[in-house]
Amino acid sequence: MSLDKLKSIIDSSNNIVFFGGAGVSTESSIPDFRSENGLYKTKNNLSYPPETMLSHSFFIKHPEDFFEFYKAKMIYKDAKPNAAHNALAELERRGKLKAIITQNVDGLHQAAGSKNVLELHGSIHRNYCMQCRKFFDLDYIINSNATIPKCDNCASTIKPDVVLYEEGLDSDIIERSVKYISIADTLIVGGTSLVVYPAAGLIRYFKGTNLILINKSSTPYDNEASLVINDSIGKALSSIL
């Protein structure tokens, strides 16, 4: 019944925005962060907690340890788009979905064919020299023989273009996200528990008709939603096509 309602809402909507978190990519075998099997819960035999190792200050003070962890736990180059990514790309092609706002850094939405993707936390596919600002792709980081990837132009340290703890989100991305959400008639939120701010606060700007939450666990916004689906996001979204 809930999937029938989901399809009905999608069919009658022409200005849909999707806001997604780590749960969107778990079906591509990329671990999330806070679930029982997530990155923050698993035993990694690390000298520091993952949250510490993904902070700006740790990157600056311990770049070798940062890159060892980053390459092992944050990069999944062989991951492929799943049913959720593909369904969203199809909705965009049909003109119904206007924007994807994602907390993920894996680039799988673009790999599936989505064009208008707002990456709140950056992307592993973009990396830049902290000195001369030259950009490098993911292969440069993966194939670097140095423990700390260095710029081939000025030999300075390269930083992944991802938002680490202690760093602010891109104000332009936030502004554009707010605009899309505020004028949408339907907001689909998937694969996020909506507890991480400031990203989770974006949902407050939605003034449209249909708020749809698709997540395997409950969220603080369940009581405000038009429809709540506690199931696989790939299964739910692919069912509407």
C-alpha atoms as a PDB file:
ATOM      1  CA  MET A   1       0.000   0.000   0.000  1.00  0.00           C
ATOM      2  CA  SER A   2       2.796   2.475   0.875  1.00  0.00           C
ATOM      3  CA  LEU A   3       4.544   1.835  -2.463  1.00  0.00           C
ATOM      4  CA  ASP A   4       1.254   2.457  -4.284  1.00  0.00           C
ATOM      5  CA  LYS A   5       0.924   5.770  -2.462  1.00  0.00           C
ATOM      6  CA  LEU A   6       4.530   6.614  -3.309  1.00  0.00           C
ATOM      7  CA  LYS A   7       3.872   5.994  -7.003  1.00  0.00           C
ATOM      8  CA  SER A   8       0.702   8.081  -6.868  1.00  0.00           C
ATOM      9  CA  ILE A   9       2.538  11.016  -5.300  1.00  0.00           C
ATOM     10  CA  ILE A  10       5.390  10.807  -7.822  1.00  0.00           C
ATOM     11  CA  ASP A  11       2.962  10.598 -10.748  1.00  0.00           C
ATOM     12  CA  SER A  12       1.183  13.767  -9.604  1.00  0.00           C
ATOM     13  CA  SER A  13       4.364  15.734  -8.813  1.00  0.00           C
ATOM     14  CA  ASN A  14       6.403  17.835 -11.226  1.00  0.00           C
ATOM     15  CA  ASN A  15       8.863  19.562  -8.921  1.00  0.00           C
ATOM     16  CA  ILE A  16      10.545  16.848  -6.864  1.00  0.00           C
ATOM     17  CA  VAL A  17      13.724  17.261  -4.852  1.00  0.00           C
ATOM     18  CA  PHE A  18      15.617  14.323  -3.360  1.00  0.00           C
ATOM     19  CA  PHE A  19      17.698  14.715  -0.210  1.00  0.00           C
ATOM     20  CA  GLY A  20      19.860  11.681   0.559  1.00  0.00           C
ATOM     21  CA  GLY A  21      22.368  10.344   3.039  1.00  0.00           C
ATOM     22  CA  ALA A  22      24.729   7.409   3.456  1.00  0.00           C
ATOM     23  CA  GLY A  23      21.890   4.869   3.333  1.00  0.00           C
ATOM     24  CA  VAL A  24      21.484   5.576  -0.388  1.00  0.00           C
ATOM     25  CA  SER A  25      24.884   4.006  -1.091  1.00  0.00           C
ATOM     26  CA  THR A  26      24.818   1.045   1.312  1.00  0.00           C
ATOM     27  CA  GLU A  27      23.166  -1.024  -1.425  1.00  0.00           C
ATOM     28  CA  SER A  28      26.306  -0.343  -3.467  1.00  0.00           C
ATOM     29  CA  SER A  29      28.309  -1.981  -0.640  1.00  0.00           C
ATOM     30  CA  ILE A  30      29.568   1.313   0.768  1.00  0.00           C
ATOM     31  CA  PRO A  31      29.199   1.278   4.570  1.00  0.00           C
ATOM     32  CA  ASP A  32      27.284   4.056   6.273  1.00  0.00           C
ATOM     33  CA  PHE A  33      28.499   5.705   9.459  1.00  0.00           C
ATOM     34  CA  ARG A  34      26.126   5.256  12.366  1.00  0.00           C
ATOM     35  CA  SER A  35      24.294   1.952  11.854  1.00  0.00           C
ATOM     36  CA  GLU A  36      25.310  -1.206  13.715  1.00  0.00           C
ATOM     37  CA  ASN A  37      27.618  -2.150  10.838  1.00  0.00           C
ATOM     38  CA  GLY A  38      28.660   1.418  10.109  1.00  0.00           C
ATOM     39  CA  LEU A  39      32.107   2.915  10.046  1.00  0.00           C
ATOM     40  CA  TYR A  40      31.787   4.444  13.513  1.00  0.00           C
ATOM     41  CA  LYS A  41      30.613   1.217  15.164  1.00  0.00           C
ATOM     42  CA  THR A  42      32.970  -1.390  13.711  1.00  0.00           C
ATOM     43  CA  LYS A  43      36.199  -2.437  15.411  1.00  0.00           C
ATOM     44  CA  ASN A  44      38.945  -1.007  13.248  1.00  0.00           C
ATOM     45  CA  ASN A  45      41.946  -1.400  15.554  1.00  0.00           C
ATOM     46  CA  LEU A  46      42.610   2.278  15.068  1.00  0.00           C
ATOM     47  CA  SER A  47      44.746   4.530  17.234  1.00  0.00           C
ATOM     48  CA  TYR A  48      42.058   7.216  17.047  1.00  0.00           C
ATOM     49  CA  PRO A  49      38.261   7.210  16.640  1.00  0.00           C
ATOM     50  CA  PRO A  50      37.109   7.541  12.997  1.00  0.00           C
ATOM     51  CA  GLU A  51      35.439  10.872  13.792  1.00  0.00           C
ATOM     52  CA  THR A  52      38.812  12.207  14.966  1.00  0.00           C
ATOM     53  CA  MET A  53      40.653  10.897  11.914  1.00  0.00           C
ATOM     54  CA  LEU A  54      38.150  12.615   9.625  1.00  0.00           C
ATOM     55  CA  SER A  55      38.677  16.021  11.217  1.00  0.00           C
ATOM     56  CA  HIS A  56      40.504  18.988   9.741  1.00  0.00           C
ATOM     57  CA  SER A  57      42.921  19.253  12.655  1.00  0.00           C
ATOM     58  CA  PHE A  58      43.855  15.570  12.359  1.00  0.00           C
ATOM     59  CA  PHE A  59      44.456  15.984   8.623  1.00  0.00           C
ATOM     60  CA  ILE A  60      46.810  18.881   9.329  1.00  0.00           C
ATOM     61  CA  LYS A  61      48.660  17.241  12.251  1.00  0.00           C
ATOM     62  CA  HIS A  62      48.737  13.624  11.055  1.00  0.00           C
ATOM     63  CA  PRO A  63      48.422  13.598   7.254  1.00  0.00           C
ATOM     64  CA  GLU A  64      50.050  10.158   6.861  1.00  0.00           C
ATOM     65  CA  ASP A  65      47.575   8.531   9.258  1.00  0.00           C
ATOM     66  CA  PHE A  66      44.723  10.466   7.645  1.00  0.00           C
ATOM     67  CA  PHE A  67      45.494   9.219   4.138  1.00  0.00           C
ATOM     68  CA  GLU A  68      46.004   5.645   5.303  1.00  0.00           C
ATOM     69  CA  PHE A  69      42.540   5.696   6.861  1.00  0.00           C
ATOM     70  CA  TYR A  70      40.971   7.719   4.045  1.00  0.00           C
ATOM     71  CA  LYS A  71      42.149   5.378   1.297  1.00  0.00           C
ATOM     72  CA  ALA A  72      41.093   2.282   3.244  1.00  0.00           C
ATOM     73  CA  LYS A  73      37.689   3.426   4.523  1.00  0.00           C
ATOM     74  CA  MET A  74      36.400   6.290   2.372  1.00  0.00           C
ATOM     75  CA  ILE A  75      37.294   5.319  -1.189  1.00  0.00           C
ATOM     76  CA  TYR A  76      35.292   2.626  -2.974  1.00  0.00           C
ATOM     77  CA  LYS A  77      36.372   3.090  -6.565  1.00  0.00           C
ATOM     78  CA  ASP A  78      34.726  -0.109  -7.812  1.00  0.00           C
ATOM     79  CA  ALA A  79      31.296   0.740  -6.334  1.00  0.00           C
ATOM     80  CA  LYS A  80      28.511   0.952  -8.907  1.00  0.00           C
ATOM     81  CA  PRO A  81      25.213   2.877  -8.840  1.00  0.00           C
ATOM     82  CA  ASN A  82      22.343   0.871  -7.366  1.00  0.00           C
ATOM     83  CA  ALA A  83      18.598   0.817  -8.034  1.00  0.00           C
ATOM     84  CA  ALA A  84      18.049   4.024  -6.051  1.00  0.00           C
ATOM     85  CA  HIS A  85      20.659   5.998  -8.013  1.00  0.00           C
ATOM     86  CA  ASN A  86      19.285   4.689 -11.308  1.00  0.00           C
ATOM     87  CA  ALA A  87      15.661   5.468 -10.409  1.00  0.00           C
ATOM     88  CA  LEU A  88      16.529   9.042  -9.437  1.00  0.00           C
ATOM     89  CA  ALA A  89      18.448   9.553 -12.677  1.00  0.00           C
ATOM     90  CA  GLU A  90      15.398   8.326 -14.609  1.00  0.00           C
ATOM     91  CA  LEU A  91      13.080  10.689 -12.706  1.00  0.00           C
ATOM     92  CA  GLU A  92      15.388  13.550 -13.666  1.00  0.00           C
ATOM     93  CA  ARG A  93      15.335  12.478 -17.329  1.00  0.00           C
ATOM     94  CA  ARG A  94      11.526  12.513 -17.184  1.00  0.00           C
ATOM     95  CA  GLY A  95      11.620  16.097 -15.957  1.00  0.00           C
ATOM     96  CA  LYS A  96      10.059  15.353 -12.576  1.00  0.00           C
ATOM     97  CA  LEU A  97      13.150  15.494 -10.356  1.00  0.00           C
ATOM     98  CA  LYS A  98      14.761  18.932 -10.291  1.00  0.00           C
ATOM     99  CA  ALA A  99      17.699  18.361  -7.939  1.00  0.00           C
ATOM    100  CA  ILE A 100      19.504  15.797  -5.832  1.00  0.00           C
ATOM    101  CA  ILE A 101      21.008  17.059  -2.591  1.00  0.00           C
ATOM    102  CA  THR A 102      23.402  14.500  -1.170  1.00  0.00           C
ATOM    103  CA  GLN A 103      25.550  14.077   1.900  1.00  0.00           C
ATOM    104  CA  ASN A 104      27.548  11.386   0.108  1.00  0.00           C
ATOM    105  CA  VAL A 105      30.971  11.916  -1.440  1.00  0.00           C
ATOM    106  CA  ASP A 106      31.078   8.836  -3.680  1.00  0.00           C
ATOM    107  CA  GLY A 107      29.884  10.367  -6.965  1.00  0.00           C
ATOM    108  CA  LEU A 108      27.444   7.515  -7.647  1.00  0.00           C
ATOM    109  CA  HIS A 109      24.542   9.821  -8.515  1.00  0.00           C
ATOM    110  CA  GLN A 110      26.589  11.283 -11.360  1.00  0.00           C
ATOM    111  CA  ALA A 111      27.747   7.818 -12.395  1.00  0.00           C
ATOM    112  CA  ALA A 112      24.075   6.838 -12.752  1.00  0.00           C
ATOM    113  CA  GLY A 113      23.474   9.790 -15.047  1.00  0.00           C
ATOM    114  CA  SER A 114      22.077  12.461 -12.732  1.00  0.00           C
ATOM    115  CA  LYS A 115      23.055  15.961 -13.822  1.00  0.00           C
ATOM    116  CA  ASN A 116      21.932  18.372 -11.101  1.00  0.00           C
ATOM    117  CA  VAL A 117      23.629  16.990  -7.988  1.00  0.00           C
ATOM    118  CA  LEU A 118      24.422  19.257  -5.043  1.00  0.00           C
ATOM    119  CA  GLU A 119      27.163  17.655  -2.942  1.00  0.00           C
ATOM    120  CA  LEU A 120      26.948  19.022   0.597  1.00  0.00           C
ATOM    121  CA  HIS A 121      30.086  17.231   1.737  1.00  0.00           C
ATOM    122  CA  GLY A 122      32.152  17.364  -1.446  1.00  0.00           C
ATOM    123  CA  SER A 123      33.489  14.455  -3.491  1.00  0.00           C
ATOM    124  CA  ILE A 124      36.322  11.945  -3.379  1.00  0.00           C
ATOM    125  CA  HIS A 125      36.693  12.493  -7.135  1.00  0.00           C
ATOM    126  CA  ARG A 126      37.991  16.032  -6.645  1.00  0.00           C
ATOM    127  CA  ASN A 127      41.270  16.795  -4.897  1.00  0.00           C
ATOM    128  CA  TYR A 128      43.282  19.992  -4.824  1.00  0.00           C
ATOM    129  CA  CYS A 129      46.717  21.280  -3.939  1.00  0.00           C
ATOM    130  CA  MET A 130      46.533  23.336  -0.768  1.00  0.00           C
ATOM    131  CA  GLN A 131      49.166  25.739  -2.114  1.00  0.00           C
ATOM    132  CA  CYS A 132      48.624  26.347  -5.850  1.00  0.00           C
ATOM    133  CA  ARG A 133      45.032  24.973  -5.969  1.00  0.00           C
ATOM    134  CA  LYS A 134      45.694  22.642  -8.919  1.00  0.00           C
ATOM    135  CA  PHE A 135      43.023  19.935  -9.097  1.00  0.00           C
ATOM    136  CA  PHE A 136      43.620  16.195  -9.271  1.00  0.00           C
ATOM    137  CA  ASP A 137      41.310  13.248  -9.915  1.00  0.00           C
ATOM    138  CA  LEU A 138      40.762  10.196  -7.730  1.00  0.00           C
ATOM    139  CA  ASP A 139      43.254   8.051  -9.649  1.00  0.00           C
ATOM    140  CA  TYR A 140      46.038  10.475  -8.775  1.00  0.00           C
ATOM    141  CA  ILE A 141      45.350   9.927  -5.069  1.00  0.00           C
ATOM    142  CA  ILE A 142      44.971   6.160  -5.373  1.00  0.00           C
ATOM    143  CA  ASN A 143      48.087   5.717  -7.507  1.00  0.00           C
ATOM    144  CA  SER A 144      50.298   8.044  -5.503  1.00  0.00           C
ATOM    145  CA  ASN A 145      53.301   6.143  -4.164  1.00  0.00           C
ATOM    146  CA  ALA A 146      53.798   8.733  -1.443  1.00  0.00           C
ATOM    147  CA  THR A 147      52.146   8.260   1.936  1.00  0.00           C
ATOM    148  CA  ILE A 148      50.989  11.888   1.560  1.00  0.00           C
ATOM    149  CA  PRO A 149      49.936  12.726  -2.024  1.00  0.00           C
ATOM    150  CA  LYS A 150      51.867  15.728  -3.307  1.00  0.00           C
ATOM    151  CA  CYS A 151      51.189  18.191  -6.089  1.00  0.00           C
ATOM    152  CA  ASP A 152      53.163  17.545  -9.294  1.00  0.00           C
ATOM    153  CA  ASN A 153      53.319  21.290  -9.831  1.00  0.00           C
ATOM    154  CA  CYS A 154      54.570  22.701  -6.510  1.00  0.00           C
ATOM    155  CA  ALA A 155      55.103  19.595  -4.306  1.00  0.00           C
ATOM    156  CA  SER A 156      52.617  20.770  -1.668  1.00  0.00           C
ATOM    157  CA  THR A 157      50.109  18.476   0.049  1.00  0.00           C
ATOM    158  CA  ILE A 158      46.930  17.566  -1.824  1.00  0.00           C
ATOM    159  CA  LYS A 159      43.645  17.617   0.106  1.00  0.00           C
ATOM    160  CA  PRO A 160      40.529  15.682  -0.873  1.00  0.00           C
ATOM    161  CA  ASP A 161      37.680  18.065  -1.689  1.00  0.00           C
ATOM    162  CA  VAL A 162      35.519  16.592   1.059  1.00  0.00           C
ATOM    163  CA  VAL A 163      34.151  18.436   4.078  1.00  0.00           C
ATOM    164  CA  LEU A 164      35.931  17.198   7.185  1.00  0.00           C
ATOM    165  CA  TYR A 165      34.797  17.687  10.768  1.00  0.00           C
ATOM    166  CA  GLU A 166      35.578  21.258  11.921  1.00  0.00           C
ATOM    167  CA  GLU A 167      35.097  22.541   8.367  1.00  0.00           C
ATOM    168  CA  GLY A 168      32.094  24.516   7.175  1.00  0.00           C
ATOM    169  CA  LEU A 169      29.799  23.544   4.338  1.00  0.00           C
ATOM    170  CA  ASP A 170      30.000  25.424   1.053  1.00  0.00           C
ATOM    171  CA  SER A 171      27.666  28.412   1.412  1.00  0.00           C
ATOM    172  CA  ASP A 172      26.761  28.391  -2.291  1.00  0.00           C
ATOM    173  CA  ILE A 173      25.727  24.720  -2.145  1.00  0.00           C
ATOM    174  CA  ILE A 174      23.657  25.411   0.979  1.00  0.00           C
ATOM    175  CA  GLU A 175      21.978  28.417  -0.629  1.00  0.00           C
ATOM    176  CA  ARG A 176      21.095  26.472  -3.778  1.00  0.00           C
ATOM    177  CA  SER A 177      19.837  23.523  -1.732  1.00  0.00           C
ATOM    178  CA  VAL A 178      17.560  25.772   0.311  1.00  0.00           C
ATOM    179  CA  LYS A 179      16.175  27.314  -2.886  1.00  0.00           C
ATOM    180  CA  TYR A 180      15.357  23.949  -4.472  1.00  0.00           C
ATOM    181  CA  ILE A 181      13.765  22.575  -1.296  1.00  0.00           C
ATOM    182  CA  SER A 182      11.735  25.715  -0.621  1.00  0.00           C
ATOM    183  CA  ILE A 183       9.994  25.622  -4.032  1.00  0.00           C
ATOM    184  CA  ALA A 184       9.560  21.842  -4.357  1.00  0.00           C
ATOM    185  CA  ASP A 185       6.091  20.308  -4.326  1.00  0.00           C
ATOM    186  CA  THR A 186       7.505  16.960  -3.160  1.00  0.00           C
ATOM    187  CA  LEU A 187      10.603  16.326  -1.036  1.00  0.00           C
ATOM    188  CA  ILE A 188      11.866  12.750  -0.856  1.00  0.00           C
ATOM    189  CA  VAL A 189      14.325  12.148   1.977  1.00  0.00           C
ATOM    190  CA  GLY A 190      16.151   8.839   1.793  1.00  0.00           C
ATOM    191  CA  GLY A 191      18.913   6.963   3.556  1.00  0.00           C
ATOM    192  CA  THR A 192      19.463   9.467   6.334  1.00  0.00           C
ATOM    193  CA  SER A 193      18.462   9.518   9.992  1.00  0.00           C
ATOM    194  CA  LEU A 194      18.210  13.334   9.887  1.00  0.00           C
ATOM    195  CA  VAL A 195      20.271  13.814  13.034  1.00  0.00           C
ATOM    196  CA  VAL A 196      23.418  15.386  11.539  1.00  0.00           C
ATOM    197  CA  TYR A 197      23.358  19.163  11.311  1.00  0.00           C
ATOM    198  CA  PRO A 198      23.517  21.531   9.543  1.00  0.00           C
ATOM    199  CA  ALA A 199      22.509  19.253   6.666  1.00  0.00           C
ATOM    200  CA  ALA A 200      19.457  17.820   8.453  1.00  0.00           C
ATOM    201  CA  GLY A 201      18.196  21.348   9.076  1.00  0.00           C
ATOM    202  CA  LEU A 202      17.552  21.799   5.351  1.00  0.00           C
ATOM    203  CA  ILE A 203      14.297  19.879   5.671  1.00  0.00           C
ATOM    204  CA  ARG A 204      12.831  22.810   7.625  1.00  0.00           C
ATOM    205  CA  TYR A 205      12.747  24.892   4.443  1.00  0.00           C
ATOM    206  CA  PHE A 206      10.274  22.565   2.740  1.00  0.00           C
ATOM    207  CA  LYS A 207       6.861  24.159   2.338  1.00  0.00           C
ATOM    208  CA  GLY A 208       5.407  21.837  -0.310  1.00  0.00           C
ATOM    209  CA  THR A 209       2.663  19.226  -0.224  1.00  0.00           C
ATOM    210  CA  ASN A 210       4.408  15.859   0.122  1.00  0.00           C
ATOM    211  CA  LEU A 211       7.234  15.001   2.502  1.00  0.00           C
ATOM    212  CA  ILE A 212       8.318  11.405   1.898  1.00  0.00           C
ATOM    213  CA  LEU A 213      10.774   9.665   4.228  1.00  0.00           C
ATOM    214  CA  ILE A 214      12.429   6.425   3.102  1.00  0.00           C
ATOM    215  CA  ASN A 215      14.776   5.010   5.714  1.00  0.00           C
ATOM    216  CA  LYS A 216      15.201   1.644   7.400  1.00  0.00           C
ATOM    217  CA  SER A 217      14.989   3.246  10.841  1.00  0.00           C
ATOM    218  CA  SER A 218      12.782   6.010  12.225  1.00  0.00           C
ATOM    219  CA  THR A 219      13.700   9.697  12.029  1.00  0.00           C
ATOM    220  CA  PRO A 220      12.760  12.751  14.131  1.00  0.00           C
ATOM    221  CA  TYR A 221      10.524  13.911  11.264  1.00  0.00           C
ATOM    222  CA  ASP A 222       8.366  10.792  10.847  1.00  0.00           C
ATOM    223  CA  ASN A 223       5.335  12.452  12.440  1.00  0.00           C
ATOM    224  CA  GLU A 224       5.504  15.345   9.977  1.00  0.00           C
ATOM    225  CA  ALA A 225       5.735  13.216   6.837  1.00  0.00           C
ATOM    226  CA  SER A 226       3.033  12.501   4.273  1.00  0.00           C
ATOM    227  CA  LEU A 227       4.493   9.024   3.814  1.00  0.00           C
ATOM    228  CA  VAL A 228       7.058   6.982   5.757  1.00  0.00           C
ATOM    229  CA  ILE A 229       8.607   3.866   4.215  1.00  0.00           C
ATOM    230  CA  ASN A 230      10.906   1.784   6.425  1.00  0.00           C
ATOM    231  CA  ASP A 231      12.392  -0.356   3.697  1.00  0.00           C
ATOM    232  CA  SER A 232      15.149  -0.534   1.103  1.00  0.00           C
ATOM    233  CA  ILE A 233      15.406   2.776  -0.702  1.00  0.00           C
ATOM    234  CA  GLY A 234      16.404   1.021  -3.927  1.00  0.00           C
ATOM    235  CA  LYS A 235      13.365  -1.226  -3.755  1.00  0.00           C
ATOM    236  CA  ALA A 236      11.035   1.681  -2.983  1.00  0.00           C
ATOM    237  CA  LEU A 237      12.259   4.015  -5.714  1.00  0.00           C
ATOM    238  CA  SER A 238      12.586   1.384  -8.419  1.00  0.00           C
ATOM    239  CA  SER A 239       9.013   0.263  -7.747  1.00  0.00           C
ATOM    240  CA  ILE A 240       7.633   3.581  -8.967  1.00  0.00           C
ATOM    241  CA  LEU A 241       9.168   3.131 -12.407  1.00  0.00           C
END
